[in-house]
């Protein structure tokens, strides 16, 4: 828990890392290998005062070293000033003796920008 808190703090705030972003909505659908493949749906609202930490945990019990790091995807699209993006990611963690892919997500991210470009902090 302490490590996670430190990682969030190290990521900085959205307002510092992405000064032109007024907010984001990240909608994710988690899938797993089961008869009913949809594990859960989740929406995360991101504000300028939020930490710029976008590593979402794998929701499969027993997964080690996994998760879904959306940081580079978000950074790339903010740099290009895209308003909406979607895609899929596979968890690269390990889950006991289960071979291969144990979880994946599909995501849709909507980004809202400020009307004026803000000066970047150095």
Protein backbone atom coordinates (compact mmCIF):
# COMPACT_ATOMS: atom_id res chain seq x y z
CA UNK A 1 0.00 0.00 0.00
CA UNK A 2 2.85 2.39 0.85
CA UNK A 3 4.58 1.63 -2.47
CA UNK A 4 1.40 2.44 -4.37
CA UNK A 5 1.06 5.75 -2.52
CA UNK A 6 4.68 6.61 -3.35
CA UNK A 7 4.20 5.74 -7.03
CA UNK A 8 1.19 8.05 -7.20
CA UNK A 9 3.12 10.90 -5.62
CA UNK A 10 6.10 10.31 -7.94
CA UNK A 11 3.77 10.56 -10.96
CA UNK A 12 2.84 14.12 -10.01
CA UNK A 13 -0.46 15.84 -10.59
CA UNK A 14 -2.36 15.90 -13.88
CA UNK A 15 -2.28 19.73 -13.74
CA UNK A 16 1.54 19.65 -13.67
CA UNK A 17 2.15 16.81 -16.12
CA UNK A 18 -0.63 17.72 -18.58
CA UNK A 19 -1.38 21.43 -18.00
CA UNK A 20 -3.80 21.69 -20.94
CA UNK A 21 -6.05 18.89 -19.65
CA UNK A 22 -9.18 19.91 -17.72
CA UNK A 23 -10.23 16.32 -17.09
CA UNK A 24 -10.52 12.77 -18.38
CA UNK A 25 -12.96 9.92 -18.19
CA UNK A 26 -11.49 6.44 -18.47
CA UNK A 27 -14.05 3.70 -19.06
CA UNK A 28 -12.71 0.15 -18.85
CA UNK A 29 -14.27 -3.26 -19.34
CA UNK A 30 -12.30 -6.02 -17.65
CA UNK A 31 -12.37 -9.49 -19.21
CA UNK A 32 -11.18 -12.86 -17.92
CA UNK A 33 -11.18 -16.42 -19.18
CA UNK A 34 -14.49 -17.77 -17.94
CA UNK A 35 -17.94 -18.73 -19.13
CA UNK A 36 -19.05 -15.12 -18.64
CA UNK A 37 -15.99 -13.23 -19.94
CA UNK A 38 -16.92 -9.77 -18.63
CA UNK A 39 -15.49 -9.50 -15.13
CA UNK A 40 -16.49 -5.89 -14.47
CA UNK A 41 -16.90 -2.41 -15.90
CA UNK A 42 -15.21 0.56 -14.31
CA UNK A 43 -15.20 4.30 -14.91
CA UNK A 44 -12.46 6.52 -13.50
CA UNK A 45 -12.87 10.30 -13.53
CA UNK A 46 -9.59 12.19 -13.60
CA UNK A 47 -9.33 15.82 -12.54
CA UNK A 48 -6.42 18.30 -12.75
CA UNK A 49 -5.92 17.73 -9.01
CA UNK A 50 -5.68 13.92 -9.50
CA UNK A 51 -2.38 12.10 -9.59
CA UNK A 52 -1.15 11.38 -13.13
CA UNK A 53 -0.87 7.70 -12.20
CA UNK A 54 -2.65 5.55 -14.76
CA UNK A 55 -1.53 2.02 -13.87
CA UNK A 56 -4.80 0.17 -13.32
CA UNK A 57 -4.64 -3.03 -11.31
CA UNK A 58 -5.48 -6.43 -12.68
CA UNK A 59 -8.69 -7.57 -10.99
CA UNK A 60 -7.87 -11.27 -11.16
CA UNK A 61 -7.18 -12.70 -7.73
CA UNK A 62 -3.63 -14.04 -7.50
CA UNK A 63 -2.21 -11.95 -10.35
CA UNK A 64 1.36 -10.90 -9.60
CA UNK A 65 3.20 -8.09 -11.37
CA UNK A 66 0.31 -7.36 -13.68
CA UNK A 67 -2.03 -4.53 -14.43
CA UNK A 68 -2.71 -2.15 -17.26
CA UNK A 69 -0.46 0.88 -17.57
CA UNK A 70 -2.29 3.51 -19.63
CA UNK A 71 0.31 6.23 -18.94
CA UNK A 72 2.13 6.12 -22.29
CA UNK A 73 -1.14 5.83 -24.23
CA UNK A 74 -2.57 8.88 -22.47
CA UNK A 75 0.66 10.90 -22.76
CA UNK A 76 0.89 10.20 -26.51
CA UNK A 77 -2.69 11.24 -27.17
CA UNK A 78 -2.52 14.35 -24.97
CA UNK A 79 0.60 15.42 -26.88
CA UNK A 80 -1.42 15.04 -30.11
CA UNK A 81 -4.37 16.79 -28.41
CA UNK A 82 -6.74 13.92 -29.24
CA UNK A 83 -10.12 14.10 -27.52
CA UNK A 84 -11.02 10.42 -27.57
CA UNK A 85 -9.17 7.15 -27.86
CA UNK A 86 -9.93 3.50 -27.41
CA UNK A 87 -8.04 0.26 -27.42
CA UNK A 88 -7.27 -2.99 -25.64
CA UNK A 89 -4.51 -4.22 -23.34
CA UNK A 90 -3.52 -7.63 -22.05
CA UNK A 91 -2.30 -8.17 -18.50
CA UNK A 92 1.34 -9.19 -18.55
CA UNK A 93 1.34 -10.45 -14.97
CA UNK A 94 1.46 -14.06 -13.85
CA UNK A 95 -1.38 -15.87 -12.20
CA UNK A 96 -0.21 -19.09 -10.60
CA UNK A 97 -0.30 -22.02 -12.94
CA UNK A 98 -2.76 -20.51 -15.42
CA UNK A 99 -0.95 -20.37 -18.77
CA UNK A 100 -1.28 -17.52 -21.26
CA UNK A 101 -3.57 -14.54 -21.06
CA UNK A 102 -5.61 -14.48 -17.86
CA UNK A 103 -7.06 -10.96 -18.19
CA UNK A 104 -7.48 -8.08 -20.60
CA UNK A 105 -9.28 -4.76 -20.78
CA UNK A 106 -10.88 -2.68 -23.45
CA UNK A 107 -10.77 1.03 -22.72
CA UNK A 108 -12.23 4.26 -23.97
CA UNK A 109 -10.72 7.52 -22.79
CA UNK A 110 -12.29 10.94 -23.29
CA UNK A 111 -10.04 13.93 -22.68
CA UNK A 112 -11.27 17.46 -22.09
CA UNK A 113 -8.83 20.31 -22.75
CA UNK A 114 -8.86 23.86 -21.46
CA UNK A 115 -9.94 26.46 -24.00
CA UNK A 116 -6.67 28.36 -23.65
CA UNK A 117 -3.29 26.70 -23.80
CA UNK A 118 -1.62 27.08 -20.42
CA UNK A 119 2.05 27.91 -20.07
CA UNK A 120 4.08 24.81 -19.24
CA UNK A 121 5.89 24.76 -15.93
CA UNK A 122 9.58 23.93 -16.06
